[in-house]
Every structure is written in C-alpha cells, then in structure tokens.
Amino acid sequence: MLLHTDITPGRTATIDNRSCLFFSGFSYLGLHQQPAFKSAFMEGIHRYGTLYPSSRAGNVRLSLFEEMEHALCTHLEQQAAVVLSSGYMAAQAAIHYAATRGRLCYAPGAHPALWLGTPQLPAVDRAQWEQETIARVNGDADHHYVIVTDALNPITGEVYAFDWLRLLQRKVLVLIDDSHGIGILGPRGQGSIHLLPGTEQVRYLITASLAKAYSVEGGVVAGHAADIAALKKNGFFTGSTPMMPAGAHAWLQSADLVRQQRMQLQQNVAYFLHLAANSAIHNPHGLPVFILPQPAEKPPLLNYLAERDVIISSFPYPFPHSQPVNRAIISALHTQQDILSLYQFLKEYGY
C-alpha cells in the first residue's frame, strides 16, 4: 500500500484529508515538530543563511562546524569528530578511509551506506561470522583487518553484542554505523559506544546519521584524532557541500530539549513494552522499534490498521526486493492514548 501526504508527519500524518496516527519513519525524539527546535533552526537560518557556500577545505571556514564537531566527539567519548552533509555521506567517507587501513571484513547484512562498491556480504549468521572473524584476524599475521558492521538492526530490533572483540589478538580498526543508536542508547544518549569493549587491540571509528534521532540533515564520523585528521583529507570531505549550518546551530542550542525528549521517548517505549508484554509483538532490546509479525491466515496488518487511521512502517528495505517487515515506530511525540489506541487495534487484530 503506497500512501501520499503533503505535510511532514509527526505524531500524526494527513492521508487523503484524514488525520492518522503515525507509527512509522524515524525522528525518534520528535525534534522536527518541537516549536523550540524549529525556532532554533529558524534562528540559525537568519544568522547563517540556507547553506555555507564553500568547501570545508576552503580558505575561509565557518567555526560553527568545528564547534559542533567538538561537541559531538565529547558526546560520543571520542578524540575527534567530523560532520558531513548526510549520514550516507559520512558512512561513505568512513569506509573509503577505512579501506586504506586494512582488508575490509564485512558483517552479515551490513547497511549499504557502509559498502565500498558491491561487496560480497557473508551468507552465514552473525554468531558464525563472529567466530570466523576471530579466527581470521588472529590467524593471519600478514594482514591488517577492518571490521565493518552496524551497531544494531532497526528492521529486527536487535542490538548487537560486541564482547567477542575482546578475543582478538591482533590490532584491528572497527568501523561501526550507529545511525539508529546515537541519541537513543546509552546512559546519556551517546549511542552504542557504551556497549563496545575497550581493548588494546581494537580502535573504533563510529559513523552515524544525525537525522534519525536529532532531526538534523547531517552525518558524523568520530574516532581517534589521527583517523579523523586523515579522513578530512579525502574527497568526500573536501569535495562535498557541508551540512546546513542552521541544523548545526539548532542542535547545539537544544541540549536540554534533547534530554527532555529522550526521557519522554523512554517512557513511551516502556509503556508499550508493558502493554505488549504477553503478546506476539517483538522488541528484544527496548528500542523504539516494535516488530509486528504478519500471521499467514490474517489480512495484511498494514491495510487493517490504515482502515482504522493508523499508519505503521511496512515496506521493502534496504532494497526494493527486500521482504517488507511490519514495524511500529514509537517516538517522543506520541501520547499514552496514541500508544494505547495502537495496542487496542493490534489486540483486536489478534496479537
């Protein structure tokens, strides 16, 4: 079912002149609909205009970008950071740099943003891949390896464990896409970095979209200072348009609002987890992503809910040939009544 709207969704979406509850998309913290955030964004436009009309490598530089990079590397507990125009651009900059540091070792299902060309991804499950990677790295003294992986899977709701990295006996670079963890996971919303073991053999390069939680069109790569300095010399940084300055300004001005919205999101997720505790609704790690299995004998859940003015996520991703997965995405914008309404419809459907 393909739906169209002329208004950006928040807690609701306008479809065919009907107001529908919107449990799809991302913007987990709902900042894009917060008056204070929009006001900060407009303030940024008035101050900086709609873009910065120069390369980041130009001879006149905007200090705002360096201010944001400093704030992000502190937030992510890394030595340095660089911001680019999108999460995809950041991931591509990171993988092209990482490829100069060693042989790429992709995890199963690694997101296309992390691809260098068209890699052959492992066909084994993740547990087997981890064991094979440990054996490969420890048994090959002639090569340096770069492990390339996502921090979590927003389609299945799984947060990956990385304790197995402690078993590596040779130095590796681990490139991790944390687009759906940054702003959400961790004691302070610093993302998946708090789940990563610190060992002498491993150094990390973290890449993430700033849109998924923070409602800012931009991306970040964070890691050791030497890696970020080298990355700033590649063409993805020097030859691309910088992120919109107004977005950087809005994010820097909104620390208190981000904390407030993150707390609201946690409460909303906890409420739905409580409601769905004894149902077939799947959420193994408390992410704002609830997996809704499609029973074979039932009519399509997507259509059933749409007829009741409720929109969930259900489309092929990340490729047109991927199998659609039914998901309900909870955001900080939803009220308890919204979530209760969703659950009641799901219960009536048969969950």
Protein backbone atom coordinates (compact mmCIF):
# COMPACT_ATOMS: atom_id res chain seq x y z
CA MET A 1 0.00 0.00 0.00
CA LEU A 2 1.52 3.31 -1.13
CA LEU A 3 0.28 6.42 0.68
CA HIS A 4 0.92 10.09 -0.05
CA THR A 5 0.89 13.16 2.15
CA ASP A 6 1.54 16.86 1.60
CA ILE A 7 2.52 17.53 5.23
CA THR A 8 5.55 16.16 7.08
CA PRO A 9 4.30 13.62 9.65
CA GLY A 10 4.77 14.00 13.39
CA ARG A 11 2.63 12.01 15.82
CA THR A 12 0.03 12.09 13.06
CA ALA A 13 0.07 12.09 9.26
CA THR A 14 -2.54 13.57 6.95
CA ILE A 15 -3.59 10.96 4.38
CA ASP A 16 -6.47 11.69 1.98
CA ASN A 17 -7.62 14.53 4.26
CA ARG A 18 -7.71 12.11 7.23
CA SER A 19 -5.60 12.55 10.33
CA CYS A 20 -3.91 9.20 11.03
CA LEU A 21 -1.72 8.16 13.93
CA PHE A 22 1.81 7.85 12.55
CA PHE A 23 3.94 4.97 13.82
CA SER A 24 6.49 4.94 11.02
CA GLY A 25 9.63 6.76 9.89
CA PHE A 26 12.27 7.82 12.40
CA SER A 27 12.98 11.18 14.11
CA TYR A 28 12.72 9.20 17.32
CA LEU A 29 12.99 12.26 19.57
CA GLY A 30 10.42 14.17 17.54
CA LEU A 31 12.57 17.30 17.42
CA HIS A 32 11.41 18.20 13.91
CA GLN A 33 7.95 19.03 15.34
CA GLN A 34 9.07 20.79 18.51
CA PRO A 35 8.44 24.57 18.44
CA ALA A 36 11.63 25.28 20.40
CA PHE A 37 13.74 23.25 17.94
CA LYS A 38 12.10 24.86 14.91
CA SER A 39 12.69 28.27 16.48
CA ALA A 40 16.39 27.45 16.97
CA PHE A 41 16.53 26.28 13.36
CA MET A 42 14.97 29.49 12.09
CA GLU A 43 17.39 31.48 14.24
CA GLY A 44 20.17 29.56 12.51
CA ILE A 45 18.78 30.40 9.08
CA HIS A 46 18.60 34.09 9.94
CA ARG A 47 22.19 34.01 11.16
CA TYR A 48 23.85 31.67 8.65
CA GLY A 49 21.50 31.56 5.65
CA THR A 50 20.34 28.34 4.00
CA LEU A 51 23.81 26.91 3.28
CA TYR A 52 27.52 27.54 3.65
CA PRO A 53 28.71 28.32 0.11
CA SER A 54 32.20 26.85 0.29
CA SER A 55 34.11 23.63 0.77
CA ARG A 56 35.12 22.72 4.32
CA ALA A 57 38.66 22.70 2.92
CA GLY A 58 38.34 26.28 1.67
CA ASN A 59 40.47 29.18 2.89
CA VAL A 60 37.51 30.74 4.76
CA ARG A 61 36.00 28.40 7.33
CA LEU A 62 32.88 28.52 9.46
CA SER A 63 33.77 27.98 13.12
CA LEU A 64 30.26 26.63 13.79
CA PHE A 65 31.17 23.29 12.19
CA GLU A 66 34.23 22.88 14.39
CA GLU A 67 32.11 23.77 17.43
CA MET A 68 29.65 21.01 16.54
CA GLU A 69 32.46 18.53 15.91
CA HIS A 70 33.93 19.26 19.32
CA ALA A 71 30.53 18.80 20.97
CA LEU A 72 29.93 15.53 19.13
CA CYS A 73 33.31 13.97 19.88
CA THR A 74 32.79 14.82 23.56
CA HIS A 75 29.28 13.39 23.48
CA LEU A 76 30.47 10.20 21.74
CA GLU A 77 33.51 9.88 24.03
CA GLN A 78 35.96 10.01 21.13
CA GLN A 79 39.08 12.05 20.45
CA ALA A 80 37.78 13.84 17.38
CA ALA A 81 34.82 14.04 15.00
CA VAL A 82 33.90 15.36 11.57
CA VAL A 83 30.45 16.29 10.27
CA LEU A 84 29.25 15.87 6.69
CA SER A 85 26.05 16.61 4.79
CA SER A 86 24.30 13.28 5.49
CA GLY A 87 24.65 10.01 7.31
CA TYR A 88 25.20 8.25 3.99
CA MET A 89 27.97 10.66 3.05
CA ALA A 90 29.59 10.19 6.46
CA ALA A 91 29.50 6.41 6.13
CA GLN A 92 30.96 6.55 2.62
CA ALA A 93 33.74 8.86 3.77
CA ALA A 94 34.46 6.47 6.63
CA ILE A 95 34.52 3.28 4.52
CA HIS A 96 36.73 4.83 1.84
CA TYR A 97 39.18 5.89 4.53
CA ALA A 98 38.92 2.54 6.34
CA ALA A 99 39.78 0.69 3.12
CA THR A 100 43.22 2.33 3.23
CA ARG A 101 43.83 0.92 6.72
CA GLY A 102 43.34 -2.78 6.06
CA ARG A 103 41.33 -5.56 4.47
CA LEU A 104 37.60 -5.00 4.89
CA CYS A 105 35.76 -7.68 6.82
CA TYR A 106 32.01 -7.08 6.45
CA ALA A 107 29.38 -8.29 8.88
CA PRO A 108 26.30 -10.06 7.51
CA GLY A 109 23.67 -7.58 6.41
CA ALA A 110 25.91 -4.52 6.70
CA HIS A 111 23.95 -1.45 5.60
CA PRO A 112 24.58 -0.27 2.00
CA ALA A 113 25.84 3.08 3.32
CA LEU A 114 28.91 1.14 4.51
CA TRP A 115 29.54 -0.57 1.20
CA LEU A 116 32.65 0.05 -0.84
CA GLY A 117 31.43 -0.84 -4.31
CA THR A 118 29.34 -4.01 -4.17
CA PRO A 119 30.92 -6.25 -1.55
CA GLN A 120 30.06 -9.92 -1.13
CA LEU A 121 28.46 -9.95 2.30
CA PRO A 122 28.75 -13.13 4.40
CA ALA A 123 25.84 -15.53 3.95
CA VAL A 124 26.29 -17.05 7.43
CA ASP A 125 24.51 -15.93 10.61
CA ARG A 126 26.14 -13.36 12.82
CA ALA A 127 27.36 -15.78 15.50
CA GLN A 128 29.22 -17.86 12.93
CA TRP A 129 30.62 -14.75 11.29
CA GLU A 130 31.99 -13.57 14.65
CA GLN A 131 33.80 -16.87 15.22
CA GLU A 132 35.17 -16.88 11.67
CA THR A 133 36.35 -13.28 12.04
CA ILE A 134 38.16 -14.05 15.30
CA ALA A 135 39.94 -16.97 13.65
CA ARG A 136 40.80 -14.96 10.53
CA VAL A 137 42.22 -11.96 12.39
CA ASN A 138 44.15 -14.00 14.95
CA GLY A 139 45.50 -16.45 12.39
CA ASP A 140 46.74 -14.03 9.73
CA ALA A 141 49.89 -12.14 10.68
CA ASP A 142 50.34 -10.73 7.18
CA HIS A 143 47.25 -8.55 7.01
CA HIS A 144 45.56 -5.75 8.90
CA TYR A 145 41.79 -6.03 9.07
CA VAL A 146 38.94 -3.54 9.28
CA ILE A 147 35.73 -4.97 10.74
CA VAL A 148 32.68 -3.25 9.21
CA THR A 149 29.33 -3.59 10.96
CA ASP A 150 26.16 -1.90 12.10
CA ALA A 151 25.65 -1.35 15.82
CA LEU A 152 22.09 -2.61 15.64
CA ASN A 153 19.43 -3.73 13.20
CA PRO A 154 16.39 -1.39 13.08
CA ILE A 155 14.48 -3.91 10.96
CA THR A 156 14.68 -6.73 13.51
CA GLY A 157 15.07 -4.58 16.64
CA GLU A 158 18.31 -6.35 17.58
CA VAL A 159 21.21 -4.57 19.32
CA TYR A 160 24.40 -6.46 18.54
CA ALA A 161 26.80 -7.64 21.25
CA PHE A 162 30.49 -6.90 20.81
CA ASP A 163 32.13 -8.71 23.74
CA TRP A 164 33.68 -11.09 21.19
CA LEU A 165 36.06 -8.30 20.16
CA ARG A 166 37.96 -9.00 23.42
CA LEU A 167 39.14 -12.26 21.86
CA LEU A 168 41.04 -10.53 19.06
CA GLN A 169 44.81 -10.81 19.47
CA ARG A 170 45.87 -8.50 16.65
CA LYS A 171 45.17 -4.83 16.15
CA VAL A 172 42.05 -4.01 14.14
CA LEU A 173 40.00 -0.99 13.19
CA VAL A 174 36.29 -1.48 13.81
CA LEU A 175 34.00 0.73 11.70
CA ILE A 176 30.51 0.85 13.21
CA ASP A 177 27.39 2.54 11.84
CA ASP A 178 25.38 3.73 14.85
CA SER A 179 22.73 5.73 13.00
CA HIS A 180 19.86 4.20 14.99
CA GLY A 181 21.69 4.18 18.33
CA ILE A 182 23.11 7.68 18.65
CA GLY A 183 20.76 9.88 20.67
CA ILE A 184 18.81 6.82 21.87
CA LEU A 185 21.07 4.28 23.59
CA GLY A 186 23.49 4.77 26.45
CA PRO A 187 23.20 6.50 29.81
CA ARG A 188 23.43 9.92 28.15
CA GLY A 189 22.24 9.06 24.66
CA GLN A 190 25.79 8.67 23.42
CA GLY A 191 24.75 5.64 21.42
CA SER A 192 26.28 2.20 21.20
CA ILE A 193 29.76 3.31 22.23
CA HIS A 194 28.93 2.36 25.83
CA LEU A 195 28.43 -1.25 24.66
CA LEU A 196 31.84 -1.52 22.98
CA PRO A 197 34.68 -3.10 24.93
CA GLY A 198 37.88 -1.15 25.34
CA THR A 199 40.86 -3.33 24.45
CA GLU A 200 44.42 -2.60 23.38
CA GLN A 201 43.84 -4.42 20.09
CA VAL A 202 40.75 -2.50 18.94
CA ARG A 203 40.21 1.09 17.92
CA TYR A 204 36.84 2.36 16.78
CA LEU A 205 35.55 4.57 14.01
CA ILE A 206 31.90 5.49 14.65
CA THR A 207 29.67 6.82 11.88
CA ALA A 208 26.06 7.89 12.24
CA SER A 209 23.24 9.86 10.71
CA LEU A 210 22.18 12.91 12.69
CA ALA A 211 18.66 12.68 11.25
CA LYS A 212 17.36 9.53 12.93
CA ALA A 213 17.25 10.90 16.48
CA TYR A 214 18.28 14.54 16.15
CA SER A 215 16.18 15.66 13.13
CA VAL A 216 19.23 17.25 11.51
CA GLU A 217 20.27 16.52 7.94
CA GLY A 218 23.88 15.60 8.51
CA GLY A 219 26.25 12.81 9.46
CA VAL A 220 29.18 12.34 11.80
CA VAL A 221 32.30 10.21 11.90
CA ALA A 222 34.09 10.04 15.26
CA GLY A 223 37.20 8.22 16.44
CA HIS A 224 40.90 8.66 17.07
CA ALA A 225 42.30 12.08 16.20
CA ALA A 226 44.72 10.66 13.61
CA ASP A 227 41.91 8.83 11.79
CA ILE A 228 39.68 11.91 11.68
CA ALA A 229 42.56 14.13 10.53
CA ALA A 230 43.29 11.69 7.69
CA LEU A 231 39.60 11.41 6.81
CA LYS A 232 39.38 15.20 6.45
CA LYS A 233 41.84 14.90 3.58
CA ASN A 234 39.70 12.60 1.45
CA GLY A 235 37.42 13.80 -1.33
CA PHE A 236 34.20 13.02 0.50
CA PHE A 237 35.09 15.78 2.94
CA THR A 238 36.98 18.25 0.75
CA GLY A 239 34.75 17.94 -2.33
CA SER A 240 31.28 17.87 -0.79
CA THR A 241 28.90 20.61 0.31
CA PRO A 242 28.89 20.96 4.13
CA MET A 243 25.84 20.21 6.22
CA MET A 244 23.31 23.02 6.58
CA PRO A 245 24.66 25.45 9.21
CA ALA A 246 21.17 26.11 10.62
CA GLY A 247 20.90 22.42 11.55
CA ALA A 248 24.20 22.54 13.40
CA HIS A 249 23.10 25.69 15.21
CA ALA A 250 19.75 24.18 16.21
CA TRP A 251 21.39 21.03 17.57
CA LEU A 252 23.95 22.98 19.58
CA GLN A 253 21.19 25.11 21.14
CA SER A 254 18.95 22.18 22.04
CA ALA A 255 20.81 20.05 24.60
CA ASP A 256 18.11 20.46 27.27
CA LEU A 257 15.32 19.74 24.80
CA VAL A 258 17.13 16.63 23.57
CA ARG A 259 17.38 15.30 27.13
CA GLN A 260 13.71 16.06 27.75
CA GLN A 261 12.60 14.32 24.54
CA ARG A 262 14.82 11.33 25.19
CA MET A 263 13.23 10.89 28.61
CA GLN A 264 9.77 11.08 27.02
CA LEU A 265 10.78 8.51 24.41
CA GLN A 266 11.98 6.13 27.11
CA GLN A 267 8.68 6.48 28.93
CA ASN A 268 6.71 5.83 25.74
CA VAL A 269 8.75 2.74 24.87
CA ALA A 270 8.38 1.41 28.42
CA TYR A 271 4.61 1.93 28.27
CA PHE A 272 4.24 -0.01 25.01
CA LEU A 273 6.54 -2.75 26.33
CA HIS A 274 4.25 -3.03 29.35
CA LEU A 275 1.12 -3.26 27.18
CA ALA A 276 2.66 -5.79 24.79
CA ALA A 277 4.35 -7.96 27.42
CA ASN A 278 2.18 -11.04 26.78
CA SER A 279 1.68 -10.63 23.05
CA ALA A 280 3.46 -11.69 19.86
CA ILE A 281 4.78 -8.14 19.42
CA HIS A 282 8.58 -8.43 19.31
CA ASN A 283 11.01 -6.00 20.91
CA PRO A 284 14.06 -7.78 22.37
CA HIS A 285 16.16 -4.76 23.35
CA GLY A 286 13.80 -1.91 24.20
CA LEU A 287 14.40 0.09 21.03
CA PRO A 288 11.64 2.40 19.73
CA VAL A 289 11.04 -0.29 17.08
CA PHE A 290 8.34 -2.92 17.68
CA ILE A 291 8.23 -5.83 15.22
CA LEU A 292 4.73 -6.98 14.24
CA PRO A 293 4.81 -10.45 12.66
CA GLN A 294 2.31 -10.95 9.87
CA PRO A 295 0.17 -14.08 10.51
CA ALA A 296 -0.30 -16.05 7.29
CA GLU A 297 -4.02 -16.55 7.86
CA LYS A 298 -4.79 -12.90 8.59
CA PRO A 299 -5.45 -9.99 6.19
CA PRO A 300 -2.45 -7.63 5.76
CA LEU A 301 -1.87 -5.79 9.02
CA LEU A 302 -0.83 -2.63 7.15
CA ASN A 303 -4.23 -2.40 5.47
CA TYR A 304 -6.13 -3.37 8.61
CA LEU A 305 -4.57 -0.53 10.59
CA ALA A 306 -4.78 2.01 7.75
CA GLU A 307 -8.53 1.42 7.62
CA ARG A 308 -8.54 2.50 11.28
CA ASP A 309 -6.43 5.60 10.61
CA VAL A 310 -3.20 4.12 11.97
CA ILE A 311 -0.05 4.05 9.82
CA ILE A 312 2.82 1.67 10.58
CA SER A 313 6.09 1.01 8.74
CA SER A 314 5.87 -1.78 6.16
CA PHE A 315 7.97 -1.57 3.01
CA PRO A 316 10.96 -3.32 1.38
CA TYR A 317 14.25 -2.12 2.94
CA PRO A 318 17.10 -1.58 2.27
CA PHE A 319 16.45 -2.84 -1.28
CA PRO A 320 13.34 -2.89 -3.48
CA HIS A 321 13.48 -6.72 -3.41
CA SER A 322 13.81 -6.95 0.39
CA GLN A 323 10.98 -8.59 2.29
CA PRO A 324 8.68 -6.00 3.92
CA VAL A 325 8.65 -6.09 7.71
CA ASN A 326 5.76 -4.70 9.78
CA ARG A 327 7.07 -2.34 12.45
CA ALA A 328 5.53 0.19 14.80
CA ILE A 329 7.94 3.05 15.45
CA ILE A 330 7.40 4.86 18.74
CA SER A 331 8.57 8.45 19.04
CA ALA A 332 8.72 11.02 21.81
CA LEU A 333 5.78 12.79 20.16
CA HIS A 334 3.28 10.03 20.89
CA THR A 335 0.89 10.32 23.82
CA GLN A 336 -0.08 7.40 26.03
CA GLN A 337 -3.51 7.48 24.39
CA ASP A 338 -1.88 7.13 20.96
CA ILE A 339 0.06 4.09 22.12
CA LEU A 340 -2.96 2.59 23.85
CA SER A 341 -5.04 3.04 20.69
CA LEU A 342 -2.39 1.26 18.64
CA TYR A 343 -2.24 -1.62 21.11
CA GLN A 344 -6.01 -1.99 21.24
CA PHE A 345 -6.20 -2.25 17.44
CA LEU A 346 -3.37 -4.79 17.45
CA LYS A 347 -5.16 -6.79 20.14
CA GLU A 348 -8.38 -6.74 18.11
CA TYR A 349 -6.40 -7.93 15.10
CA GLY A 350 -5.15 -10.91 17.05
CA TYR A 351 -1.89 -10.10 18.78
